[in-house]
N, C-alpha and C. Protein backbone atom coordinates (compact mmCIF):
# COMPACT_ATOMS: atom_id res chain seq x y z
N UNK A 1 29.30 45.68 -27.87
CA UNK A 1 29.60 44.52 -28.69
C UNK A 1 30.89 43.84 -28.22
N UNK A 2 31.91 44.66 -27.93
CA UNK A 2 33.19 44.11 -27.49
C UNK A 2 33.03 43.37 -26.16
N UNK A 3 32.22 43.91 -25.24
CA UNK A 3 31.99 43.26 -23.94
C UNK A 3 31.27 41.94 -24.13
N UNK A 4 30.29 41.92 -25.03
CA UNK A 4 29.55 40.69 -25.28
C UNK A 4 30.48 39.62 -25.86
N UNK A 5 31.36 40.00 -26.80
CA UNK A 5 32.29 39.05 -27.39
C UNK A 5 33.27 38.52 -26.35
N UNK A 6 33.79 39.39 -25.50
CA UNK A 6 34.72 38.97 -24.44
C UNK A 6 34.03 38.04 -23.47
N UNK A 7 32.80 38.37 -23.09
CA UNK A 7 32.05 37.51 -22.18
C UNK A 7 31.81 36.14 -22.80
N UNK A 8 31.44 36.11 -24.08
CA UNK A 8 31.22 34.85 -24.78
C UNK A 8 32.51 34.03 -24.85
N UNK A 9 33.64 34.67 -25.13
CA UNK A 9 34.92 33.97 -25.22
C UNK A 9 35.31 33.38 -23.87
N UNK A 10 35.13 34.14 -22.81
CA UNK A 10 35.45 33.63 -21.47
C UNK A 10 34.54 32.47 -21.10
N UNK A 11 33.24 32.59 -21.39
CA UNK A 11 32.29 31.52 -21.08
C UNK A 11 32.64 30.25 -21.86
N UNK A 12 32.99 30.39 -23.13
CA UNK A 12 33.37 29.23 -23.94
C UNK A 12 34.63 28.58 -23.39
N UNK A 13 35.60 29.40 -22.99
CA UNK A 13 36.84 28.87 -22.41
C UNK A 13 36.57 28.10 -21.14
N UNK A 14 35.71 28.63 -20.28
CA UNK A 14 35.38 27.94 -19.04
C UNK A 14 34.62 26.65 -19.31
N UNK A 15 33.74 26.67 -20.27
CA UNK A 15 32.95 25.48 -20.59
C UNK A 15 33.83 24.38 -21.15
N UNK A 16 34.82 24.73 -21.96
CA UNK A 16 35.69 23.73 -22.58
C UNK A 16 36.82 23.29 -21.66
N UNK A 17 37.07 24.01 -20.58
CA UNK A 17 38.23 23.68 -19.74
C UNK A 17 38.12 22.31 -19.09
N UNK A 18 36.93 21.78 -18.89
CA UNK A 18 36.78 20.46 -18.28
C UNK A 18 36.52 19.36 -19.27
N UNK A 19 36.61 19.64 -20.56
CA UNK A 19 36.29 18.65 -21.59
C UNK A 19 37.57 18.17 -22.27
N UNK A 20 37.51 17.00 -22.86
CA UNK A 20 38.59 16.50 -23.69
C UNK A 20 38.27 16.91 -25.11
N UNK A 21 38.81 18.04 -25.55
CA UNK A 21 38.54 18.54 -26.90
C UNK A 21 39.87 18.86 -27.56
N UNK A 22 39.87 18.93 -28.86
CA UNK A 22 41.07 19.30 -29.61
C UNK A 22 40.94 20.77 -29.97
N UNK A 23 41.96 21.54 -29.58
CA UNK A 23 41.96 22.97 -29.83
C UNK A 23 43.10 23.34 -30.77
N UNK A 24 42.87 24.27 -31.71
CA UNK A 24 43.97 24.71 -32.56
C UNK A 24 44.88 25.65 -31.78
N UNK A 25 46.20 25.53 -31.99
CA UNK A 25 47.17 26.43 -31.36
C UNK A 25 47.53 27.54 -32.33
N UNK A 26 48.20 28.57 -31.83
CA UNK A 26 48.56 29.72 -32.64
C UNK A 26 49.42 29.33 -33.84
N UNK A 27 50.25 28.27 -33.70
CA UNK A 27 51.12 27.87 -34.80
C UNK A 27 50.42 26.98 -35.82
N UNK A 28 49.10 26.76 -35.65
CA UNK A 28 48.33 25.96 -36.60
C UNK A 28 48.23 24.49 -36.22
N UNK A 29 49.05 24.03 -35.26
CA UNK A 29 48.96 22.63 -34.84
C UNK A 29 47.80 22.47 -33.87
N UNK A 30 47.53 21.24 -33.49
CA UNK A 30 46.45 20.97 -32.55
C UNK A 30 47.00 20.24 -31.36
N UNK A 31 46.33 20.35 -30.24
CA UNK A 31 46.69 19.59 -29.06
C UNK A 31 45.40 19.18 -28.36
N UNK A 32 45.46 18.10 -27.63
CA UNK A 32 44.30 17.67 -26.86
C UNK A 32 44.28 18.46 -25.57
N UNK A 33 43.20 19.16 -25.33
CA UNK A 33 43.04 19.91 -24.08
C UNK A 33 42.32 19.00 -23.11
N UNK A 34 43.06 18.40 -22.17
CA UNK A 34 42.49 17.46 -21.23
C UNK A 34 42.30 18.11 -19.89
N UNK A 35 41.27 17.70 -19.20
CA UNK A 35 41.05 18.20 -17.86
C UNK A 35 42.26 17.82 -17.02
N UNK A 36 42.84 18.78 -16.32
CA UNK A 36 44.02 18.54 -15.50
C UNK A 36 43.65 17.67 -14.32
N UNK A 37 43.99 16.40 -14.39
CA UNK A 37 43.63 15.49 -13.31
C UNK A 37 44.51 15.68 -12.10
N UNK A 38 45.74 16.15 -12.30
CA UNK A 38 46.65 16.28 -11.19
C UNK A 38 47.01 14.93 -10.59
N UNK A 39 46.91 13.86 -11.38
CA UNK A 39 47.16 12.51 -10.88
C UNK A 39 48.65 12.28 -10.69
N UNK A 40 49.00 11.61 -9.60
CA UNK A 40 50.37 11.22 -9.31
C UNK A 40 50.62 9.86 -9.95
N UNK A 41 51.71 9.73 -10.70
CA UNK A 41 52.04 8.46 -11.35
C UNK A 41 52.51 7.45 -10.31
N UNK A 42 51.99 6.22 -10.41
CA UNK A 42 52.42 5.13 -9.54
C UNK A 42 52.69 3.90 -10.39
N UNK A 43 53.44 2.94 -9.83
CA UNK A 43 53.74 1.71 -10.54
C UNK A 43 53.36 0.52 -9.66
N UNK A 44 53.24 -0.64 -10.26
CA UNK A 44 52.93 -1.85 -9.51
C UNK A 44 54.04 -2.14 -8.51
N UNK A 45 53.65 -2.55 -7.31
CA UNK A 45 54.62 -2.84 -6.26
C UNK A 45 54.99 -1.63 -5.43
N UNK A 46 54.44 -0.49 -5.74
CA UNK A 46 54.79 0.75 -5.06
C UNK A 46 53.86 1.02 -3.88
N UNK A 47 54.42 1.61 -2.82
CA UNK A 47 53.66 2.12 -1.67
C UNK A 47 53.69 3.64 -1.77
N UNK A 48 52.53 4.24 -1.78
CA UNK A 48 52.41 5.70 -1.91
C UNK A 48 51.75 6.27 -0.66
N UNK A 49 52.42 7.20 -0.01
CA UNK A 49 51.85 7.89 1.15
C UNK A 49 51.01 9.06 0.65
N UNK A 50 49.90 9.33 1.31
CA UNK A 50 49.06 10.46 0.94
C UNK A 50 48.22 10.90 2.11
N UNK A 51 47.45 11.95 1.88
CA UNK A 51 46.55 12.44 2.92
C UNK A 51 45.39 13.17 2.26
N UNK A 52 44.19 12.88 2.75
CA UNK A 52 43.01 13.62 2.32
C UNK A 52 42.86 14.81 3.27
N UNK A 53 42.86 16.00 2.69
CA UNK A 53 42.71 17.23 3.47
C UNK A 53 41.61 18.08 2.84
N UNK A 54 41.36 19.23 3.45
CA UNK A 54 40.35 20.14 2.89
C UNK A 54 40.81 20.73 1.56
N UNK A 55 42.10 20.61 1.25
CA UNK A 55 42.61 21.09 -0.04
C UNK A 55 42.53 20.03 -1.14
N UNK A 56 42.15 18.80 -0.80
CA UNK A 56 42.01 17.72 -1.79
C UNK A 56 40.81 17.99 -2.68
N UNK A 57 40.79 17.34 -3.84
CA UNK A 57 39.69 17.51 -4.79
C UNK A 57 38.34 17.20 -4.16
N UNK A 58 37.33 17.94 -4.57
CA UNK A 58 35.98 17.82 -4.00
C UNK A 58 35.08 17.00 -4.92
N UNK A 59 34.34 16.06 -4.33
CA UNK A 59 33.31 15.30 -5.03
C UNK A 59 32.00 16.04 -4.78
N UNK A 60 31.45 16.66 -5.80
CA UNK A 60 30.25 17.48 -5.64
C UNK A 60 28.99 16.65 -5.37
N UNK A 61 29.06 15.33 -5.56
CA UNK A 61 27.89 14.50 -5.30
C UNK A 61 27.67 14.28 -3.81
N UNK A 62 28.76 14.09 -3.04
CA UNK A 62 28.58 13.79 -1.62
C UNK A 62 29.46 14.61 -0.68
N UNK A 63 30.27 15.51 -1.20
CA UNK A 63 31.11 16.36 -0.37
C UNK A 63 32.39 15.72 0.10
N UNK A 64 32.67 14.47 -0.32
CA UNK A 64 33.92 13.82 0.07
C UNK A 64 35.08 14.44 -0.70
N UNK A 65 36.28 14.16 -0.24
CA UNK A 65 37.51 14.63 -0.89
C UNK A 65 38.25 13.45 -1.49
N UNK A 66 39.14 13.71 -2.46
CA UNK A 66 39.84 12.61 -3.12
C UNK A 66 41.25 13.02 -3.55
N UNK A 67 42.07 12.00 -3.79
CA UNK A 67 43.39 12.13 -4.40
C UNK A 67 43.43 11.17 -5.58
N UNK A 68 44.15 11.55 -6.65
CA UNK A 68 44.17 10.75 -7.88
C UNK A 68 45.56 10.20 -8.16
N UNK A 69 45.59 8.97 -8.67
CA UNK A 69 46.83 8.31 -9.06
C UNK A 69 46.65 7.69 -10.43
N UNK A 70 47.69 7.72 -11.25
CA UNK A 70 47.65 7.12 -12.59
C UNK A 70 48.61 5.95 -12.63
N UNK A 71 48.13 4.83 -13.15
CA UNK A 71 48.96 3.63 -13.27
C UNK A 71 48.78 3.06 -14.67
N UNK A 72 49.88 2.64 -15.28
CA UNK A 72 49.84 2.06 -16.62
C UNK A 72 49.92 0.54 -16.48
N UNK A 73 48.96 -0.15 -17.13
CA UNK A 73 48.84 -1.59 -16.99
C UNK A 73 48.81 -2.28 -18.35
N UNK A 74 49.18 -3.55 -18.35
CA UNK A 74 49.08 -4.38 -19.55
C UNK A 74 47.67 -4.95 -19.65
N UNK A 75 47.27 -5.32 -20.85
CA UNK A 75 45.96 -5.96 -21.04
C UNK A 75 45.91 -7.26 -20.25
N UNK A 76 44.84 -7.47 -19.51
CA UNK A 76 44.65 -8.68 -18.73
C UNK A 76 45.39 -8.70 -17.41
N UNK A 77 46.12 -7.63 -17.07
CA UNK A 77 46.91 -7.58 -15.84
C UNK A 77 46.01 -7.57 -14.61
N UNK A 78 46.13 -8.58 -13.73
CA UNK A 78 45.38 -8.55 -12.48
C UNK A 78 46.14 -7.71 -11.44
N UNK A 79 45.41 -6.85 -10.73
CA UNK A 79 46.02 -5.88 -9.81
C UNK A 79 45.26 -5.88 -8.48
N UNK A 80 46.00 -5.72 -7.40
CA UNK A 80 45.40 -5.55 -6.07
C UNK A 80 45.80 -4.19 -5.54
N UNK A 81 44.83 -3.49 -4.97
CA UNK A 81 45.06 -2.21 -4.31
C UNK A 81 44.68 -2.37 -2.85
N UNK A 82 45.48 -1.77 -1.97
CA UNK A 82 45.22 -1.84 -0.53
C UNK A 82 45.41 -0.44 0.04
N UNK A 83 44.39 0.04 0.74
CA UNK A 83 44.41 1.36 1.36
C UNK A 83 44.43 1.18 2.87
N UNK A 84 45.49 1.67 3.51
CA UNK A 84 45.64 1.54 4.96
C UNK A 84 45.84 2.93 5.57
N UNK A 85 45.56 3.03 6.86
CA UNK A 85 45.83 4.27 7.57
C UNK A 85 44.62 4.78 8.30
N UNK A 86 44.73 6.00 8.80
CA UNK A 86 43.67 6.61 9.59
C UNK A 86 42.45 6.99 8.76
N UNK A 87 42.63 7.18 7.46
CA UNK A 87 41.53 7.59 6.59
C UNK A 87 40.49 6.49 6.46
N UNK A 88 39.24 6.82 6.73
CA UNK A 88 38.12 5.94 6.39
C UNK A 88 37.85 6.20 4.91
N UNK A 89 38.44 5.38 4.05
CA UNK A 89 38.40 5.69 2.63
C UNK A 89 37.86 4.59 1.76
N UNK A 90 37.73 4.92 0.48
CA UNK A 90 37.29 3.97 -0.52
C UNK A 90 38.17 4.12 -1.75
N UNK A 91 38.14 3.12 -2.62
CA UNK A 91 38.94 3.09 -3.83
C UNK A 91 38.04 2.92 -5.04
N UNK A 92 38.39 3.57 -6.13
CA UNK A 92 37.72 3.33 -7.40
C UNK A 92 38.76 3.44 -8.51
N UNK A 93 38.51 2.74 -9.60
CA UNK A 93 39.44 2.69 -10.73
C UNK A 93 38.66 3.03 -11.99
N UNK A 94 39.26 3.89 -12.83
CA UNK A 94 38.64 4.30 -14.09
C UNK A 94 39.59 4.06 -15.25
N UNK A 95 39.03 3.73 -16.39
CA UNK A 95 39.75 3.68 -17.65
C UNK A 95 39.04 4.67 -18.56
N UNK A 96 39.67 5.81 -18.79
CA UNK A 96 38.99 6.90 -19.49
C UNK A 96 37.83 7.36 -18.62
N UNK A 97 36.62 7.38 -19.17
CA UNK A 97 35.45 7.79 -18.38
C UNK A 97 34.62 6.58 -17.93
N UNK A 98 35.20 5.37 -18.02
CA UNK A 98 34.51 4.14 -17.65
C UNK A 98 34.97 3.66 -16.28
N UNK A 99 34.01 3.44 -15.37
CA UNK A 99 34.32 2.89 -14.05
C UNK A 99 34.65 1.41 -14.21
N UNK A 100 35.85 1.01 -13.75
CA UNK A 100 36.32 -0.36 -13.87
C UNK A 100 36.02 -1.15 -12.60
N UNK A 101 36.29 -0.56 -11.45
CA UNK A 101 36.09 -1.25 -10.16
C UNK A 101 35.91 -0.21 -9.06
N UNK A 102 35.18 -0.61 -8.01
CA UNK A 102 34.96 0.27 -6.87
C UNK A 102 34.77 -0.59 -5.62
N UNK A 103 35.24 -0.09 -4.48
CA UNK A 103 35.04 -0.84 -3.24
C UNK A 103 33.59 -0.72 -2.82
N UNK A 104 33.12 -1.76 -2.15
CA UNK A 104 31.75 -1.74 -1.65
C UNK A 104 31.71 -0.97 -0.34
N UNK A 105 30.53 -0.68 0.14
CA UNK A 105 30.36 0.07 1.38
C UNK A 105 31.00 -0.65 2.55
N UNK A 106 31.04 -1.96 2.53
CA UNK A 106 31.64 -2.72 3.63
C UNK A 106 33.01 -3.27 3.29
N UNK A 107 33.72 -2.64 2.36
CA UNK A 107 34.99 -3.17 1.87
C UNK A 107 36.18 -3.01 2.79
N UNK A 108 35.99 -2.47 4.00
CA UNK A 108 37.12 -2.28 4.91
C UNK A 108 37.21 -3.46 5.87
N UNK A 109 38.36 -4.12 5.87
CA UNK A 109 38.57 -5.26 6.76
C UNK A 109 40.01 -5.22 7.26
N UNK A 110 40.20 -5.67 8.49
CA UNK A 110 41.52 -5.71 9.09
C UNK A 110 42.23 -4.36 8.99
N UNK A 111 41.50 -3.26 9.15
CA UNK A 111 42.10 -1.93 9.11
C UNK A 111 42.51 -1.46 7.73
N UNK A 112 42.07 -2.15 6.69
CA UNK A 112 42.44 -1.77 5.33
C UNK A 112 41.25 -1.91 4.39
N UNK A 113 41.29 -1.13 3.33
CA UNK A 113 40.31 -1.25 2.25
C UNK A 113 41.03 -1.92 1.09
N UNK A 114 40.44 -2.98 0.55
CA UNK A 114 41.07 -3.74 -0.53
C UNK A 114 40.21 -3.73 -1.77
N UNK A 115 40.88 -3.75 -2.92
CA UNK A 115 40.19 -3.81 -4.20
C UNK A 115 41.07 -4.56 -5.18
N UNK A 116 40.50 -5.51 -5.90
CA UNK A 116 41.22 -6.24 -6.95
C UNK A 116 40.44 -6.10 -8.25
N UNK A 117 41.17 -5.99 -9.34
CA UNK A 117 40.54 -5.89 -10.65
C UNK A 117 41.52 -6.38 -11.70
N UNK A 118 41.01 -6.59 -12.90
CA UNK A 118 41.83 -7.00 -14.03
C UNK A 118 41.68 -5.95 -15.13
N UNK A 119 42.80 -5.46 -15.62
CA UNK A 119 42.80 -4.46 -16.69
C UNK A 119 42.30 -5.11 -17.98
N UNK A 120 41.24 -4.58 -18.53
CA UNK A 120 40.69 -5.14 -19.77
C UNK A 120 41.61 -4.84 -20.95
N UNK A 121 42.14 -3.63 -20.98
CA UNK A 121 42.99 -3.19 -22.09
C UNK A 121 44.30 -2.64 -21.54
N UNK A 122 45.31 -2.62 -22.37
CA UNK A 122 46.57 -1.98 -21.99
C UNK A 122 46.36 -0.47 -21.98
N UNK A 123 46.97 0.20 -21.03
CA UNK A 123 46.87 1.65 -21.00
C UNK A 123 46.90 2.22 -19.60
N UNK A 124 46.49 3.48 -19.53
CA UNK A 124 46.53 4.25 -18.30
C UNK A 124 45.20 4.11 -17.55
N UNK A 125 45.28 3.81 -16.27
CA UNK A 125 44.11 3.70 -15.41
C UNK A 125 44.24 4.75 -14.31
N UNK A 126 43.12 5.32 -13.92
CA UNK A 126 43.08 6.33 -12.87
C UNK A 126 42.53 5.70 -11.60
N UNK A 127 43.33 5.73 -10.53
CA UNK A 127 42.94 5.20 -9.23
C UNK A 127 42.57 6.38 -8.35
N UNK A 128 41.38 6.33 -7.76
CA UNK A 128 40.91 7.41 -6.90
C UNK A 128 40.82 6.91 -5.46
N UNK A 129 41.51 7.63 -4.57
CA UNK A 129 41.38 7.40 -3.14
C UNK A 129 40.42 8.47 -2.64
N UNK A 130 39.30 8.07 -2.06
CA UNK A 130 38.28 9.02 -1.59
C UNK A 130 37.99 8.80 -0.13
N UNK A 131 37.62 9.88 0.55
CA UNK A 131 37.12 9.75 1.91
C UNK A 131 35.70 9.24 1.85
N UNK A 132 35.27 8.55 2.89
CA UNK A 132 33.88 8.05 2.95
C UNK A 132 33.01 9.10 3.60
N UNK A 133 32.66 10.10 2.83
CA UNK A 133 31.79 11.16 3.32
C UNK A 133 32.53 12.48 3.49
N UNK A 134 31.78 13.53 3.74
CA UNK A 134 32.36 14.89 3.77
C UNK A 134 33.26 15.17 4.97
N UNK A 135 33.27 14.32 5.97
CA UNK A 135 34.12 14.56 7.15
C UNK A 135 35.27 13.57 7.26
N UNK A 136 35.52 12.82 6.20
CA UNK A 136 36.59 11.81 6.21
C UNK A 136 37.89 12.44 5.71
N UNK A 137 38.81 12.65 6.65
CA UNK A 137 40.12 13.21 6.35
C UNK A 137 41.17 12.35 7.02
N UNK A 138 42.39 12.43 6.55
CA UNK A 138 43.48 11.77 7.24
C UNK A 138 44.52 11.18 6.32
N UNK A 139 45.62 10.71 6.92
CA UNK A 139 46.70 10.11 6.15
C UNK A 139 46.37 8.67 5.76
N UNK A 140 47.03 8.20 4.70
CA UNK A 140 46.83 6.84 4.23
C UNK A 140 48.07 6.37 3.49
N UNK A 141 48.13 5.07 3.27
CA UNK A 141 49.14 4.46 2.42
C UNK A 141 48.39 3.64 1.38
N UNK A 142 48.72 3.87 0.11
CA UNK A 142 48.15 3.10 -1.00
C UNK A 142 49.20 2.13 -1.49
N UNK A 143 48.89 0.84 -1.43
CA UNK A 143 49.81 -0.21 -1.88
C UNK A 143 49.26 -0.81 -3.17
N UNK A 144 50.09 -0.94 -4.19
CA UNK A 144 49.69 -1.60 -5.43
C UNK A 144 50.54 -2.85 -5.61
N UNK A 145 49.92 -3.91 -6.13
CA UNK A 145 50.70 -5.10 -6.42
C UNK A 145 50.07 -5.89 -7.56
N UNK A 146 50.93 -6.53 -8.32
CA UNK A 146 50.46 -7.42 -9.38
C UNK A 146 50.01 -8.72 -8.73
N UNK A 147 48.84 -9.19 -9.09
CA UNK A 147 48.32 -10.45 -8.56
C UNK A 147 48.78 -11.62 -9.42
N UNK A 148 49.04 -12.72 -8.75
CA UNK A 148 49.35 -13.96 -9.45
C UNK A 148 48.18 -14.89 -9.17
N UNK A 149 47.30 -15.09 -10.16
CA UNK A 149 46.13 -15.93 -9.93
C UNK A 149 46.50 -17.38 -9.63
N UNK A 150 45.57 -18.09 -9.01
CA UNK A 150 45.74 -19.50 -8.66
C UNK A 150 46.16 -20.28 -9.90
N UNK A 151 47.20 -21.10 -9.74
CA UNK A 151 47.77 -21.83 -10.87
C UNK A 151 47.25 -23.26 -11.02
N UNK A 152 46.32 -23.69 -10.14
CA UNK A 152 45.75 -25.03 -10.26
C UNK A 152 46.50 -26.10 -9.50
N UNK A 153 47.66 -25.79 -8.93
CA UNK A 153 48.44 -26.77 -8.17
C UNK A 153 47.76 -27.03 -6.83
N UNK A 154 48.03 -28.19 -6.21
CA UNK A 154 47.44 -28.45 -4.90
C UNK A 154 47.87 -27.41 -3.87
N UNK A 155 46.95 -27.09 -2.97
CA UNK A 155 47.23 -26.14 -1.90
C UNK A 155 47.91 -26.88 -0.77
N UNK A 156 49.01 -26.33 -0.27
CA UNK A 156 49.77 -26.98 0.79
C UNK A 156 50.02 -25.96 1.89
N UNK A 157 49.78 -26.36 3.15
CA UNK A 157 50.11 -25.51 4.28
C UNK A 157 49.23 -24.28 4.38
N UNK A 158 49.77 -23.26 5.05
CA UNK A 158 49.03 -22.02 5.28
C UNK A 158 49.20 -21.07 4.10
N UNK A 159 48.40 -20.03 4.13
CA UNK A 159 48.52 -19.01 3.10
C UNK A 159 47.17 -18.71 2.48
N UNK A 160 47.22 -17.96 1.43
CA UNK A 160 46.00 -17.62 0.73
C UNK A 160 46.20 -17.80 -0.76
N UNK A 161 45.12 -18.03 -1.44
CA UNK A 161 45.16 -18.08 -2.90
C UNK A 161 44.29 -16.95 -3.41
N UNK A 162 44.57 -16.54 -4.61
CA UNK A 162 43.78 -15.50 -5.26
C UNK A 162 43.25 -16.10 -6.55
N UNK A 163 41.96 -15.97 -6.74
CA UNK A 163 41.34 -16.50 -7.94
C UNK A 163 40.16 -15.59 -8.28
N UNK A 164 39.63 -15.70 -9.46
CA UNK A 164 38.51 -14.88 -9.90
C UNK A 164 37.22 -15.66 -9.77
N UNK A 165 36.18 -15.01 -9.29
CA UNK A 165 34.87 -15.63 -9.24
C UNK A 165 34.32 -15.69 -10.66
N UNK A 166 33.88 -16.85 -11.04
CA UNK A 166 33.31 -17.02 -12.37
C UNK A 166 32.00 -17.77 -12.23
N UNK A 167 31.30 -17.89 -13.31
CA UNK A 167 30.04 -18.64 -13.27
C UNK A 167 30.29 -20.13 -13.40
N UNK A 168 31.51 -20.52 -13.81
CA UNK A 168 31.84 -21.94 -13.96
C UNK A 168 32.26 -22.53 -12.61
N UNK A 169 32.14 -23.83 -12.50
CA UNK A 169 32.55 -24.53 -11.29
C UNK A 169 34.07 -24.44 -11.14
N UNK A 170 34.53 -24.27 -9.90
CA UNK A 170 35.96 -24.23 -9.62
C UNK A 170 36.28 -25.24 -8.54
N UNK A 171 37.28 -26.10 -8.79
CA UNK A 171 37.70 -27.10 -7.82
C UNK A 171 39.12 -26.78 -7.36
N UNK A 172 39.37 -27.02 -6.07
CA UNK A 172 40.68 -26.80 -5.49
C UNK A 172 41.08 -28.07 -4.77
N UNK A 173 42.35 -28.45 -4.86
CA UNK A 173 42.87 -29.63 -4.19
C UNK A 173 43.73 -29.18 -3.02
N UNK A 174 43.43 -29.72 -1.85
CA UNK A 174 44.19 -29.42 -0.65
C UNK A 174 44.99 -30.66 -0.29
N UNK A 175 46.29 -30.51 -0.14
CA UNK A 175 47.15 -31.63 0.24
C UNK A 175 47.58 -31.44 1.69
N UNK A 176 47.16 -32.37 2.56
CA UNK A 176 47.54 -32.31 3.97
C UNK A 176 48.86 -33.04 4.13
N UNK A 177 49.86 -32.37 4.69
CA UNK A 177 51.19 -32.94 4.85
C UNK A 177 51.26 -33.92 6.02
N UNK A 178 50.35 -33.76 7.02
CA UNK A 178 50.32 -34.68 8.15
C UNK A 178 48.89 -34.75 8.66
N UNK A 179 48.60 -35.83 9.36
CA UNK A 179 47.26 -36.05 9.88
C UNK A 179 46.96 -34.99 10.95
N UNK A 180 45.71 -34.60 11.04
CA UNK A 180 45.30 -33.62 12.04
C UNK A 180 43.81 -33.44 12.01
N UNK A 181 43.33 -32.52 12.79
CA UNK A 181 41.89 -32.26 12.83
C UNK A 181 41.47 -31.53 11.58
């Protein structure tokens, strides 16, 4: 009987270890038992060095490895993520258990993987840097930055604008400072 009870207690503990549940403590209080994400805190404007190795977290769906980062954002905050380096990687963003954004299979350009999204709610978001497949390892740099969307002013000279694709028509005015082709 004692062995069966111990086995049941261990099995229950293992089953609950990956869940977000509230457990009573010995002093009668409660605490949220959250799965240990091991996420590194990052802020907007920060460059974070990292590396995917065989010791990185395992994705059981495809055998790839990952590193986790936590960032706190304001509601409506537009954010750009850029992944550079030797790692053939991808980016995904989660709010709780909801996938917010993910890079597409062809999202790597100019030696970098880019992802932009807008935080729907204020709070903590989890950014995942993953290798593209079970043999993708290597160092990387993760750059975060706050985006400043297009303000509607005429475009002048070189550069780029950032705007959101919508179903509504969008017009842009280009002002040429001098005649040319």
